[in-house]
C-alpha atoms as a PDB file:
ATOM      1  CA  UNK A   1      92.370 168.355 110.101  1.00  0.00           C
ATOM      2  CA  UNK A   2      94.110 168.206 113.788  1.00  0.00           C
ATOM      3  CA  UNK A   3      92.300 165.792 116.032  1.00  0.00           C
ATOM      4  CA  UNK A   4      90.748 167.067 119.167  1.00  0.00           C
ATOM      5  CA  UNK A   5      92.255 165.310 122.464  1.00  0.00           C
ATOM      6  CA  UNK A   6      90.823 164.627 125.624  1.00  0.00           C
ATOM      7  CA  UNK A   7      93.101 167.330 127.242  1.00  0.00           C
ATOM      8  CA  UNK A   8      92.005 170.069 125.070  1.00  0.00           C
ATOM      9  CA  UNK A   9      88.394 169.248 126.175  1.00  0.00           C
ATOM     10  CA  UNK A  10      89.670 169.277 130.059  1.00  0.00           C
ATOM     11  CA  UNK A  11      91.555 172.543 129.323  1.00  0.00           C
ATOM     12  CA  UNK A  12      88.672 174.384 128.113  1.00  0.00           C
ATOM     13  CA  UNK A  13      86.056 173.030 130.508  1.00  0.00           C
ATOM     14  CA  UNK A  14      89.022 173.288 133.559  1.00  0.00           C
ATOM     15  CA  UNK A  15      88.213 170.053 134.660  1.00  0.00           C
ATOM     16  CA  UNK A  16      90.602 166.784 134.881  1.00  0.00           C
ATOM     17  CA  UNK A  17      91.428 164.608 131.455  1.00  0.00           C
ATOM     18  CA  UNK A  18      90.049 161.600 133.804  1.00  0.00           C
ATOM     19  CA  UNK A  19      86.858 163.492 134.576  1.00  0.00           C
ATOM     20  CA  UNK A  20      86.123 164.190 130.769  1.00  0.00           C
ATOM     21  CA  UNK A  21      86.793 160.626 129.891  1.00  0.00           C
ATOM     22  CA  UNK A  22      84.198 159.589 132.477  1.00  0.00           C
ATOM     23  CA  UNK A  23      81.788 161.811 131.354  1.00  0.00           C
ATOM     24  CA  UNK A  24      81.872 160.650 127.778  1.00  0.00           C
ATOM     25  CA  UNK A  25      81.033 156.851 129.184  1.00  0.00           C
ATOM     26  CA  UNK A  26      78.427 157.943 131.696  1.00  0.00           C
ATOM     27  CA  UNK A  27      80.299 156.883 134.486  1.00  0.00           C
ATOM     28  CA  UNK A  28      77.757 157.389 137.604  1.00  0.00           C
ATOM     29  CA  UNK A  29      80.785 159.649 139.776  1.00  0.00           C
ATOM     30  CA  UNK A  30      80.319 162.086 137.066  1.00  0.00           C
ATOM     31  CA  UNK A  31      77.244 164.741 137.774  1.00  0.00           C
ATOM     32  CA  UNK A  32      74.698 165.182 135.035  1.00  0.00           C
ATOM     33  CA  UNK A  33      75.393 168.740 134.370  1.00  0.00           C
ATOM     34  CA  UNK A  34      79.652 167.824 133.937  1.00  0.00           C
ATOM     35  CA  UNK A  35      78.503 165.115 131.653  1.00  0.00           C
ATOM     36  CA  UNK A  36      76.278 167.401 129.607  1.00  0.00           C
ATOM     37  CA  UNK A  37      79.069 170.349 129.390  1.00  0.00           C
ATOM     38  CA  UNK A  38      81.746 167.827 128.057  1.00  0.00           C
ATOM     39  CA  UNK A  39      79.327 166.103 125.779  1.00  0.00           C
ATOM     40  CA  UNK A  40      78.150 169.433 124.152  1.00  0.00           C
ATOM     41  CA  UNK A  41      81.973 170.729 123.899  1.00  0.00           C
ATOM     42  CA  UNK A  42      82.906 167.205 122.479  1.00  0.00           C
ATOM     43  CA  UNK A  43      80.282 167.577 119.885  1.00  0.00           C
ATOM     44  CA  UNK A  44      81.149 170.812 118.917  1.00  0.00           C
ATOM     45  CA  UNK A  45      84.920 170.253 118.449  1.00  0.00           C
ATOM     46  CA  UNK A  46      83.871 166.664 116.601  1.00  0.00           C
ATOM     47  CA  UNK A  47      85.944 164.866 119.122  1.00  0.00           C
ATOM     48  CA  UNK A  48      86.640 161.015 117.877  1.00  0.00           C
ATOM     49  CA  UNK A  49      88.144 158.741 120.662  1.00  0.00           C
ATOM     50  CA  UNK A  50      91.196 157.834 119.753  1.00  0.00           C
ATOM     51  CA  UNK A  51      90.635 153.965 118.226  1.00  0.00           C
ATOM     52  CA  UNK A  52      94.664 152.529 118.329  1.00  0.00           C
ATOM     53  CA  UNK A  53      94.275 153.753 121.922  1.00  0.00           C
ATOM     54  CA  UNK A  54      91.304 152.016 122.630  1.00  0.00           C
ATOM     55  CA  UNK A  55      92.532 149.061 120.654  1.00  0.00           C
ATOM     56  CA  UNK A  56      95.857 149.000 123.491  1.00  0.00           C
ATOM     57  CA  UNK A  57      93.821 149.087 126.330  1.00  0.00           C
ATOM     58  CA  UNK A  58      90.702 146.724 125.319  1.00  0.00           C
ATOM     59  CA  UNK A  59      93.218 144.580 123.662  1.00  0.00           C
ATOM     60  CA  UNK A  60      90.564 144.713 120.530  1.00  0.00           C
ATOM     61  CA  UNK A  61      90.676 146.166 117.222  1.00  0.00           C
ATOM     62  CA  UNK A  62      87.369 145.297 116.386  1.00  0.00           C
ATOM     63  CA  UNK A  63      88.558 144.312 113.170  1.00  0.00           C
ATOM     64  CA  UNK A  64      88.774 140.861 111.465  1.00  0.00           C
ATOM     65  CA  UNK A  65      89.940 139.830 108.050  1.00  0.00           C
ATOM     66  CA  UNK A  66      88.430 137.569 105.577  1.00  0.00           C
ATOM     67  CA  UNK A  67      90.451 136.052 102.992  1.00  0.00           C
ATOM     68  CA  UNK A  68      88.584 134.564  99.873  1.00  0.00           C
ATOM     69  CA  UNK A  69      89.625 133.230  96.092  1.00  0.00           C
ATOM     70  CA  UNK A  70      87.498 135.028  94.628  1.00  0.00           C
ATOM     71  CA  UNK A  71      84.918 137.615  95.622  1.00  0.00           C
ATOM     72  CA  UNK A  72      83.118 137.911  92.547  1.00  0.00           C
ATOM     73  CA  UNK A  73      81.317 134.506  92.537  1.00  0.00           C
ATOM     74  CA  UNK A  74      77.762 133.973  93.908  1.00  0.00           C
ATOM     75  CA  UNK A  75      78.968 131.014  96.736  1.00  0.00           C
ATOM     76  CA  UNK A  76      81.781 133.566  98.205  1.00  0.00           C
ATOM     77  CA  UNK A  77      79.646 136.584  97.752  1.00  0.00           C
ATOM     78  CA  UNK A  78      76.774 134.713  99.868  1.00  0.00           C
ATOM     79  CA  UNK A  79      79.625 133.902 102.580  1.00  0.00           C
ATOM     80  CA  UNK A  80      80.403 137.532 102.374  1.00  0.00           C
ATOM     81  CA  UNK A  81      77.089 138.634 103.113  1.00  0.00           C
ATOM     82  CA  UNK A  82      76.559 136.106 106.279  1.00  0.00           C
ATOM     83  CA  UNK A  83      79.767 137.145 107.771  1.00  0.00           C
ATOM     84  CA  UNK A  84      79.089 141.041 107.587  1.00  0.00           C
ATOM     85  CA  UNK A  85      75.511 140.802 108.698  1.00  0.00           C
ATOM     86  CA  UNK A  86      76.923 138.753 111.985  1.00  0.00           C
ATOM     87  CA  UNK A  87      80.104 140.877 112.501  1.00  0.00           C
ATOM     88  CA  UNK A  88      77.945 144.513 111.942  1.00  0.00           C
ATOM     89  CA  UNK A  89      75.871 143.008 114.908  1.00  0.00           C
ATOM     90  CA  UNK A  90      78.974 142.831 117.160  1.00  0.00           C
ATOM     91  CA  UNK A  91      80.097 145.527 116.160  1.00  0.00           C
ATOM     92  CA  UNK A  92      82.838 144.309 113.959  1.00  0.00           C
ATOM     93  CA  UNK A  93      84.609 145.858 110.447  1.00  0.00           C
ATOM     94  CA  UNK A  94      85.685 143.129 108.239  1.00  0.00           C
ATOM     95  CA  UNK A  95      88.733 143.467 105.862  1.00  0.00           C
ATOM     96  CA  UNK A  96      88.042 141.821 103.107  1.00  0.00           C
ATOM     97  CA  UNK A  97      90.888 140.074 100.789  1.00  0.00           C
ATOM     98  CA  UNK A  98      91.014 138.411  97.347  1.00  0.00           C
ATOM     99  CA  UNK A  99      93.930 135.392  96.858  1.00  0.00           C
ATOM    100  CA  UNK A 100      92.808 135.321  93.293  1.00  0.00           C
ATOM    101  CA  UNK A 101      93.624 131.454  94.014  1.00  0.00           C
ATOM    102  CA  UNK A 102      97.277 132.526  94.868  1.00  0.00           C
ATOM    103  CA  UNK A 103      99.330 131.028  97.236  1.00  0.00           C
ATOM    104  CA  UNK A 104     102.229 133.611  97.310  1.00  0.00           C
ATOM    105  CA  UNK A 105      99.270 136.472  97.662  1.00  0.00           C
ATOM    106  CA  UNK A 106      97.690 134.368 100.329  1.00  0.00           C
ATOM    107  CA  UNK A 107     100.682 134.401 102.264  1.00  0.00           C
ATOM    108  CA  UNK A 108     101.441 138.079 101.931  1.00  0.00           C
ATOM    109  CA  UNK A 109      97.822 139.038 102.827  1.00  0.00           C
ATOM    110  CA  UNK A 110      98.010 136.811 106.135  1.00  0.00           C
ATOM    111  CA  UNK A 111     101.039 139.134 107.042  1.00  0.00           C
ATOM    112  CA  UNK A 112      98.895 142.123 106.308  1.00  0.00           C
ATOM    113  CA  UNK A 113      96.359 141.288 108.390  1.00  0.00           C
ATOM    114  CA  UNK A 114      98.164 140.252 111.719  1.00  0.00           C
ATOM    115  CA  UNK A 115     100.509 143.246 111.145  1.00  0.00           C
ATOM    116  CA  UNK A 116      96.842 145.151 111.104  1.00  0.00           C
ATOM    117  CA  UNK A 117      96.393 143.263 114.680  1.00  0.00           C
ATOM    118  CA  UNK A 118      93.151 141.957 113.153  1.00  0.00           C
ATOM    119  CA  UNK A 119      91.273 139.957 115.933  1.00  0.00           C
ATOM    120  CA  UNK A 120      90.810 136.965 114.076  1.00  0.00           C
ATOM    121  CA  UNK A 121      91.136 135.616 110.582  1.00  0.00           C
ATOM    122  CA  UNK A 122      88.395 133.881 108.529  1.00  0.00           C
ATOM    123  CA  UNK A 123      89.653 132.197 105.409  1.00  0.00           C
ATOM    124  CA  UNK A 124      88.958 129.812 102.214  1.00  0.00           C
ATOM    125  CA  UNK A 125      92.081 128.752 100.764  1.00  0.00           C
ATOM    126  CA  UNK A 126      93.397 129.129  97.210  1.00  0.00           C
ATOM    127  CA  UNK A 127      93.681 126.266  94.920  1.00  0.00           C
ATOM    128  CA  UNK A 128      97.685 126.976  94.621  1.00  0.00           C
ATOM    129  CA  UNK A 129      97.748 126.424  98.523  1.00  0.00           C
ATOM    130  CA  UNK A 130     100.653 123.917  99.158  1.00  0.00           C
ATOM    131  CA  UNK A 131     102.158 124.645 102.126  1.00  0.00           C
ATOM    132  CA  UNK A 132     100.593 125.674 105.632  1.00  0.00           C
ATOM    133  CA  UNK A 133     103.380 127.418 107.683  1.00  0.00           C
ATOM    134  CA  UNK A 134     101.376 130.920 107.362  1.00  0.00           C
ATOM    135  CA  UNK A 135      98.366 129.286 108.648  1.00  0.00           C
ATOM    136  CA  UNK A 136     100.192 127.597 111.991  1.00  0.00           C
ATOM    137  CA  UNK A 137     102.024 131.217 112.600  1.00  0.00           C
ATOM    138  CA  UNK A 138      98.605 132.716 112.836  1.00  0.00           C
ATOM    139  CA  UNK A 139      97.349 129.847 115.427  1.00  0.00           C
ATOM    140  CA  UNK A 140     100.984 130.360 117.524  1.00  0.00           C
ATOM    141  CA  UNK A 141     100.219 133.873 117.606  1.00  0.00           C
ATOM    142  CA  UNK A 142      97.588 133.113 119.559  1.00  0.00           C
ATOM    143  CA  UNK A 143      95.081 134.801 116.828  1.00  0.00           C
ATOM    144  CA  UNK A 144      91.878 132.979 116.323  1.00  0.00           C
ATOM    145  CA  UNK A 145      91.485 131.536 112.604  1.00  0.00           C
ATOM    146  CA  UNK A 146      88.278 129.718 111.196  1.00  0.00           C
ATOM    147  CA  UNK A 147      88.653 128.227 107.860  1.00  0.00           C
ATOM    148  CA  UNK A 148      85.677 127.544 105.310  1.00  0.00           C
ATOM    149  CA  UNK A 149      84.872 125.897 102.255  1.00  0.00           C
ATOM    150  CA  UNK A 150      88.869 125.074 101.150  1.00  0.00           C
ATOM    151  CA  UNK A 151      90.075 123.714 104.451  1.00  0.00           C
ATOM    152  CA  UNK A 152      93.262 121.885 105.436  1.00  0.00           C
ATOM    153  CA  UNK A 153      92.744 119.014 107.537  1.00  0.00           C
ATOM    154  CA  UNK A 154      96.473 119.021 108.791  1.00  0.00           C
ATOM    155  CA  UNK A 155      95.860 122.461 110.460  1.00  0.00           C
ATOM    156  CA  UNK A 156      94.769 122.633 113.694  1.00  0.00           C
ATOM    157  CA  UNK A 157      91.894 125.125 113.817  1.00  0.00           C
ATOM    158  CA  UNK A 158      88.339 125.489 113.962  1.00  0.00           C
ATOM    159  CA  UNK A 159      86.160 124.763 110.417  1.00  0.00           C
ATOM    160  CA  UNK A 160      82.786 125.488 108.420  1.00  0.00           C
ATOM    161  CA  UNK A 161      82.196 123.227 105.838  1.00  0.00           C
ATOM    162  CA  UNK A 162      79.487 121.009 103.896  1.00  0.00           C
ATOM    163  CA  UNK A 163      79.914 117.148 103.752  1.00  0.00           C
ATOM    164  CA  UNK A 164      81.736 117.563  99.774  1.00  0.00           C
ATOM    165  CA  UNK A 165      81.584 113.341  99.560  1.00  0.00           C
ATOM    166  CA  UNK A 166      78.443 113.147 100.555  1.00  0.00           C
ATOM    167  CA  UNK A 167      77.048 116.140  98.391  1.00  0.00           C
ATOM    168  CA  UNK A 168      78.971 114.570  95.192  1.00  0.00           C
ATOM    169  CA  UNK A 169      78.027 111.167  96.142  1.00  0.00           C
ATOM    170  CA  UNK A 170      74.299 112.567  96.436  1.00  0.00           C
ATOM    171  CA  UNK A 171      74.667 114.510  92.864  1.00  0.00           C
ATOM    172  CA  UNK A 172      76.082 111.273  91.318  1.00  0.00           C
ATOM    173  CA  UNK A 173      73.204 108.951  92.473  1.00  0.00           C
ATOM    174  CA  UNK A 174      70.847 110.983  91.350  1.00  0.00           C
ATOM    175  CA  UNK A 175      72.078 110.728  87.455  1.00  0.00           C
ATOM    176  CA  UNK A 176      72.316 106.830  88.079  1.00  0.00           C
ATOM    177  CA  UNK A 177      68.474 106.726  89.587  1.00  0.00           C
ATOM    178  CA  UNK A 178      67.289 108.439  86.528  1.00  0.00           C
ATOM    179  CA  UNK A 179      69.019 105.947  84.414  1.00  0.00           C
ATOM    180  CA  UNK A 180      72.467 107.422  83.729  1.00  0.00           C
ATOM    181  CA  UNK A 181      75.521 104.925  83.092  1.00  0.00           C
ATOM    182  CA  UNK A 182      78.142 106.533  81.502  1.00  0.00           C
ATOM    183  CA  UNK A 183      79.102 109.587  83.809  1.00  0.00           C
ATOM    184  CA  UNK A 184      81.477 112.182  82.941  1.00  0.00           C
ATOM    185  CA  UNK A 185      83.099 114.561  86.275  1.00  0.00           C
ATOM    186  CA  UNK A 186      83.993 117.593  85.565  1.00  0.00           C
ATOM    187  CA  UNK A 187      86.250 118.437  88.714  1.00  0.00           C
ATOM    188  CA  UNK A 188      88.025 121.287  90.223  1.00  0.00           C
ATOM    189  CA  UNK A 189      91.880 121.424  90.634  1.00  0.00           C
ATOM    190  CA  UNK A 190      93.680 118.776  92.146  1.00  0.00           C
ATOM    191  CA  UNK A 191      94.609 120.620  95.514  1.00  0.00           C
ATOM    192  CA  UNK A 192      91.487 121.883  97.171  1.00  0.00           C
ATOM    193  CA  UNK A 193      90.217 119.337  99.852  1.00  0.00           C
ATOM    194  CA  UNK A 194      86.553 119.993  98.684  1.00  0.00           C
ATOM    195  CA  UNK A 195      87.574 119.148  95.014  1.00  0.00           C
ATOM    196  CA  UNK A 196      89.311 116.022  96.398  1.00  0.00           C
ATOM    197  CA  UNK A 197      86.156 114.892  98.249  1.00  0.00           C
ATOM    198  CA  UNK A 198      83.539 116.110  95.330  1.00  0.00           C
ATOM    199  CA  UNK A 199      85.722 113.507  93.187  1.00  0.00           C
ATOM    200  CA  UNK A 200      85.737 110.862  95.488  1.00  0.00           C
ATOM    201  CA  UNK A 201      81.827 111.083  96.446  1.00  0.00           C
ATOM    202  CA  UNK A 202      81.393 110.792  92.519  1.00  0.00           C
ATOM    203  CA  UNK A 203      83.536 107.758  92.480  1.00  0.00           C
ATOM    204  CA  UNK A 204      81.921 105.857  95.485  1.00  0.00           C
ATOM    205  CA  UNK A 205      78.279 106.420  93.902  1.00  0.00           C
ATOM    206  CA  UNK A 206      79.921 104.821  90.650  1.00  0.00           C
ATOM    207  CA  UNK A 207      81.357 101.997  92.624  1.00  0.00           C
ATOM    208  CA  UNK A 208      78.503 101.225  94.770  1.00  0.00           C
ATOM    209  CA  UNK A 209      76.134 100.823  91.968  1.00  0.00           C
ATOM    210  CA  UNK A 210      78.430  98.639  89.938  1.00  0.00           C
ATOM    211  CA  UNK A 211      79.408 101.070  87.382  1.00  0.00           C
ATOM    212  CA  UNK A 212      83.188 101.114  86.340  1.00  0.00           C
ATOM    213  CA  UNK A 213      85.404 103.818  87.053  1.00  0.00           C
ATOM    214  CA  UNK A 214      86.497 105.396  83.551  1.00  0.00           C
ATOM    215  CA  UNK A 215      89.519 108.405  84.531  1.00  0.00           C
ATOM    216  CA  UNK A 216      89.283 109.524  80.913  1.00  0.00           C
ATOM    217  CA  UNK A 217      85.463 110.692  81.569  1.00  0.00           C
ATOM    218  CA  UNK A 218      87.040 113.138  84.519  1.00  0.00           C
ATOM    219  CA  UNK A 219      87.996 116.862  83.397  1.00  0.00           C
ATOM    220  CA  UNK A 220      89.883 119.187  85.090  1.00  0.00           C
ATOM    221  CA  UNK A 221      88.837 122.768  85.564  1.00  0.00           C
ATOM    222  CA  UNK A 222      91.537 124.778  86.966  1.00  0.00           C
ATOM    223  CA  UNK A 223      90.606 128.523  87.184  1.00  0.00           C
ATOM    224  CA  UNK A 224      87.370 129.782  89.243  1.00  0.00           C
ATOM    225  CA  UNK A 225      87.222 133.066  87.384  1.00  0.00           C
ATOM    226  CA  UNK A 226      87.116 131.429  83.827  1.00  0.00           C
ATOM    227  CA  UNK A 227      85.265 129.033  84.728  1.00  0.00           C
ATOM    228  CA  UNK A 228      82.205 129.578  82.508  1.00  0.00           C
ATOM    229  CA  UNK A 229      84.778 129.234  79.411  1.00  0.00           C
ATOM    230  CA  UNK A 230      86.362 126.072  81.186  1.00  0.00           C
ATOM    231  CA  UNK A 231      83.091 124.653  81.020  1.00  0.00           C
ATOM    232  CA  UNK A 232      82.469 125.433  77.190  1.00  0.00           C
ATOM    233  CA  UNK A 233      85.858 123.720  76.258  1.00  0.00           C
ATOM    234  CA  UNK A 234      85.486 120.562  78.654  1.00  0.00           C
ATOM    235  CA  UNK A 235      82.159 120.198  77.071  1.00  0.00           C
ATOM    236  CA  UNK A 236      83.664 120.227  73.414  1.00  0.00           C
ATOM    237  CA  UNK A 237      86.111 117.612  74.560  1.00  0.00           C
ATOM    238  CA  UNK A 238      83.810 115.532  75.761  1.00  0.00           C
ATOM    239  CA  UNK A 239      81.632 115.379  72.725  1.00  0.00           C
ATOM    240  CA  UNK A 240      84.937 114.962  70.598  1.00  0.00           C
ATOM    241  CA  UNK A 241      86.238 112.314  72.863  1.00  0.00           C
ATOM    242  CA  UNK A 242      82.697 110.643  74.624  1.00  0.00           C
ATOM    243  CA  UNK A 243      79.877 110.894  72.633  1.00  0.00           C
ATOM    244  CA  UNK A 244      78.189 107.772  74.719  1.00  0.00           C
ATOM    245  CA  UNK A 245      78.353 109.837  77.802  1.00  0.00           C
ATOM    246  CA  UNK A 246      74.753 110.641  79.132  1.00  0.00           C
ATOM    247  CA  UNK A 247      75.363 112.104  82.464  1.00  0.00           C
ATOM    248  CA  UNK A 248      78.090 114.654  83.776  1.00  0.00           C
ATOM    249  CA  UNK A 249      78.523 115.724  87.183  1.00  0.00           C
ATOM    250  CA  UNK A 250      79.880 118.975  87.548  1.00  0.00           C
ATOM    251  CA  UNK A 251      82.134 120.835  90.414  1.00  0.00           C
ATOM    252  CA  UNK A 252      80.534 124.154  89.997  1.00  0.00           C
ATOM    253  CA  UNK A 253      77.062 125.766  88.667  1.00  0.00           C
ATOM    254  CA  UNK A 254      79.383 128.139  86.688  1.00  0.00           C
ATOM    255  CA  UNK A 255      81.386 125.240  84.767  1.00  0.00           C
ATOM    256  CA  UNK A 256      77.830 123.555  84.706  1.00  0.00           C
ATOM    257  CA  UNK A 257      76.447 126.753  82.789  1.00  0.00           C
ATOM    258  CA  UNK A 258      79.494 126.777  80.119  1.00  0.00           C
ATOM    259  CA  UNK A 259      79.102 123.381  79.506  1.00  0.00           C
ATOM    260  CA  UNK A 260      75.049 123.614  78.780  1.00  0.00           C
ATOM    261  CA  UNK A 261      75.462 126.580  76.639  1.00  0.00           C
ATOM    262  CA  UNK A 262      78.100 124.720  74.739  1.00  0.00           C
ATOM    263  CA  UNK A 263      75.645 121.362  74.081  1.00  0.00           C
ATOM    264  CA  UNK A 264      72.905 123.714  73.243  1.00  0.00           C
ATOM    265  CA  UNK A 265      74.992 125.240  70.594  1.00  0.00           C
ATOM    266  CA  UNK A 266      75.898 121.376  69.182  1.00  0.00           C
ATOM    267  CA  UNK A 267      72.269 120.816  69.724  1.00  0.00           C
ATOM    268  CA  UNK A 268      72.726 118.148  72.367  1.00  0.00           C
ATOM    269  CA  UNK A 269      69.646 118.023  73.647  1.00  0.00           C
ATOM    270  CA  UNK A 270      69.464 117.992  77.634  1.00  0.00           C
ATOM    271  CA  UNK A 271      68.637 116.072  79.424  1.00  0.00           C
ATOM    272  CA  UNK A 272      67.244 113.680  76.913  1.00  0.00           C
ATOM    273  CA  UNK A 273      70.813 113.467  75.187  1.00  0.00           C
ATOM    274  CA  UNK A 274      73.048 113.995  78.564  1.00  0.00           C
ATOM    275  CA  UNK A 275      71.691 114.890  81.667  1.00  0.00           C
ATOM    276  CA  UNK A 276      73.633 117.056  84.219  1.00  0.00           C
ATOM    277  CA  UNK A 277      74.028 117.983  87.851  1.00  0.00           C
ATOM    278  CA  UNK A 278      75.782 121.327  88.943  1.00  0.00           C
ATOM    279  CA  UNK A 279      77.224 122.379  92.463  1.00  0.00           C
ATOM    280  CA  UNK A 280      76.259 125.650  94.433  1.00  0.00           C
ATOM    281  CA  UNK A 281      73.000 126.732  93.616  1.00  0.00           C
ATOM    282  CA  UNK A 282      74.094 129.766  91.930  1.00  0.00           C
ATOM    283  CA  UNK A 283      71.073 132.273  91.453  1.00  0.00           C
ATOM    284  CA  UNK A 284      71.655 131.864  87.199  1.00  0.00           C
ATOM    285  CA  UNK A 285      71.065 127.827  87.488  1.00  0.00           C
ATOM    286  CA  UNK A 286      67.815 128.766  87.472  1.00  0.00           C
ATOM    287  CA  UNK A 287      67.142 130.789  84.787  1.00  0.00           C
ATOM    288  CA  UNK A 288      69.446 129.117  82.083  1.00  0.00           C
ATOM    289  CA  UNK A 289      67.694 126.905  79.647  1.00  0.00           C
ATOM    290  CA  UNK A 290      67.452 124.324  80.709  1.00  0.00           C
ATOM    291  CA  UNK A 291      67.345 125.082  84.247  1.00  0.00           C
ATOM    292  CA  UNK A 292      69.980 122.875  85.945  1.00  0.00           C
ATOM    293  CA  UNK A 293      69.551 120.445  88.706  1.00  0.00           C
ATOM    294  CA  UNK A 294      72.175 121.109  91.355  1.00  0.00           C
ATOM    295  CA  UNK A 295      73.475 121.012  94.974  1.00  0.00           C
ATOM    296  CA  UNK A 296      72.137 123.889  97.204  1.00  0.00           C
ATOM    297  CA  UNK A 297      75.246 125.128  98.924  1.00  0.00           C
ATOM    298  CA  UNK A 298      74.388 126.992 101.737  1.00  0.00           C
ATOM    299  CA  UNK A 299      76.809 129.955 101.519  1.00  0.00           C
ATOM    300  CA  UNK A 300      75.119 132.854 103.849  1.00  0.00           C
ATOM    301  CA  UNK A 301      74.908 129.908 106.603  1.00  0.00           C
ATOM    302  CA  UNK A 302      78.521 129.170 106.330  1.00  0.00           C
ATOM    303  CA  UNK A 303      79.325 132.685 106.796  1.00  0.00           C
ATOM    304  CA  UNK A 304      77.318 133.204 109.729  1.00  0.00           C
ATOM    305  CA  UNK A 305      78.554 130.219 111.404  1.00  0.00           C
ATOM    306  CA  UNK A 306      82.190 130.677 110.633  1.00  0.00           C
ATOM    307  CA  UNK A 307      82.095 134.434 112.205  1.00  0.00           C
ATOM    308  CA  UNK A 308      79.828 132.757 115.297  1.00  0.00           C
ATOM    309  CA  UNK A 309      82.798 130.510 116.084  1.00  0.00           C
ATOM    310  CA  UNK A 310      85.758 133.270 115.252  1.00  0.00           C
ATOM    311  CA  UNK A 311      83.774 135.875 117.721  1.00  0.00           C
ATOM    312  CA  UNK A 312      83.603 132.887 120.439  1.00  0.00           C
ATOM    313  CA  UNK A 313      87.254 132.397 119.987  1.00  0.00           C
ATOM    314  CA  UNK A 314      88.073 136.099 120.029  1.00  0.00           C
ATOM    315  CA  UNK A 315      86.029 136.019 123.593  1.00  0.00           C
ATOM    316  CA  UNK A 316      87.708 133.339 124.883  1.00  0.00           C
ATOM    317  CA  UNK A 317      91.092 134.261 124.228  1.00  0.00           C
ATOM    318  CA  UNK A 318      90.061 137.509 125.553  1.00  0.00           C
ATOM    319  CA  UNK A 319      89.521 135.718 129.216  1.00  0.00           C
ATOM    320  CA  UNK A 320      92.394 133.999 128.660  1.00  0.00           C
ATOM    321  CA  UNK A 321      90.156 130.486 128.437  1.00  0.00           C
ATOM    322  CA  UNK A 322      91.097 127.473 126.439  1.00  0.00           C
ATOM    323  CA  UNK A 323      89.878 126.919 122.990  1.00  0.00           C
ATOM    324  CA  UNK A 324      88.247 123.968 121.385  1.00  0.00           C
ATOM    325  CA  UNK A 325      88.426 123.725 118.022  1.00  0.00           C
ATOM    326  CA  UNK A 326      84.994 122.998 115.979  1.00  0.00           C
ATOM    327  CA  UNK A 327      84.290 121.471 112.977  1.00  0.00           C
ATOM    328  CA  UNK A 328      81.092 122.491 112.211  1.00  0.00           C
ATOM    329  CA  UNK A 329      79.230 120.661 109.071  1.00  0.00           C
ATOM    330  CA  UNK A 330      76.176 122.091 107.234  1.00  0.00           C
ATOM    331  CA  UNK A 331      73.864 120.455 105.306  1.00  0.00           C
ATOM    332  CA  UNK A 332      73.159 120.341 101.288  1.00  0.00           C
ATOM    333  CA  UNK A 333      69.971 119.378  99.114  1.00  0.00           C
ATOM    334  CA  UNK A 334      69.828 118.153  95.693  1.00  0.00           C
ATOM    335  CA  UNK A 335      67.584 120.523  94.024  1.00  0.00           C
ATOM    336  CA  UNK A 336      66.178 118.753  90.644  1.00  0.00           C
ATOM    337  CA  UNK A 337      65.444 120.909  88.085  1.00  0.00           C
ATOM    338  CA  UNK A 338      65.026 120.193  83.989  1.00  0.00           C
ATOM    339  CA  UNK A 339      68.579 119.347  83.113  1.00  0.00           C
ATOM    340  CA  UNK A 340      67.897 115.911  85.091  1.00  0.00           C
ATOM    341  CA  UNK A 341      64.095 115.525  84.389  1.00  0.00           C
ATOM    342  CA  UNK A 342      63.592 112.969  81.788  1.00  0.00           C
END
C-alpha cells in the first residue's frame, strides 16, 4: 500500500507542504479551519508520518535495545516488565534480543542494534562473554549503554546491580545461624561477575565463622536454560561424594528446585537432613514442597532503574551535556521459608 505524503495532502488542498506540516503539529500560525481540513483529509487518506524522516530531524529513533541471556527466566522476565513499563511512559519501543549465553551472538546483536540506530542499549552479559570491545565500541560511538545484573567492571558505563557478595554472605550466614557447619555451594559459571561475587560472599561467611573452606563442596552449573536438570545432577553427585553436608547455598532458584526434587526422590528430608537457600525468589520457590528460602532479587525494580538511567543519558546526549556514569545498587533481602525452618 503506497504511503501518503505531505505533498499529496498539500496538492489536494492547494496549500503549501509547510502549511500541512504545521497544521498537523497544531502550530498557532495556522488557522483553525485549515487545521481541520488538513487533519480530516490526513485521516481519510490514512496518512502516517515518515518515521525515518522524523528520526533524522529529531536525531532520535525512539527505540532502545535490550539484550538478555535468557528470556524464559523468572528474573529476566521481571526485568523486561520493568524496562517496558518505563519505556512506554516515555514513548519508546524496546527491541528485545536473547544472547542465549553466547558471546558471538551477543556481538552480532550489538551490531544489529547499532545498525538500527537505537537511542541506547541495556544489556546483561552472556556467560560466554570474554572480551568487551563490542561494548566499548558502543560507548565510543556515543550511544548510551547501561549494564545490569551480569556486568563487566572494566567497561566504563552505568550499571544497575545488587550487592551479590553481601546477598550470598547473608544466605550462607543464615545457614550457619540455623546450625549448618558443612555447607556446599552450587555456583554459576566461572566468568560472570555476579557468579564470582556470590561465590566470594559464600567463602567470606565461612571464613568469618571459622568454617574451613572445602573446594570439593563447590559444584558448577554452566547453563541457565537447563538449570533444573543441573540442580538434580549436582544433588546426585553431592549425595554420592559428601553425605555429611547439612546445608547448601545455591546460585539460582531453578537449580535449587531441581536439587530439592532430587533430594525428595531420594528420601532426604529438608531441612532436617539438609537445609537449602536459593537466589532470586522465583515464583516457584513459594510453591515447591518444601517451600524454598531464598534471596529476593528485585527484577522489576532493576529494569525500571536501568531504563531511567538510560533515558537520562539519552537526553543528556541530545543536549550535548556530559554524562556521569552511575553504579546503582539495589537492596536484596533474605526470605525464610520451610527449606531452612528447623
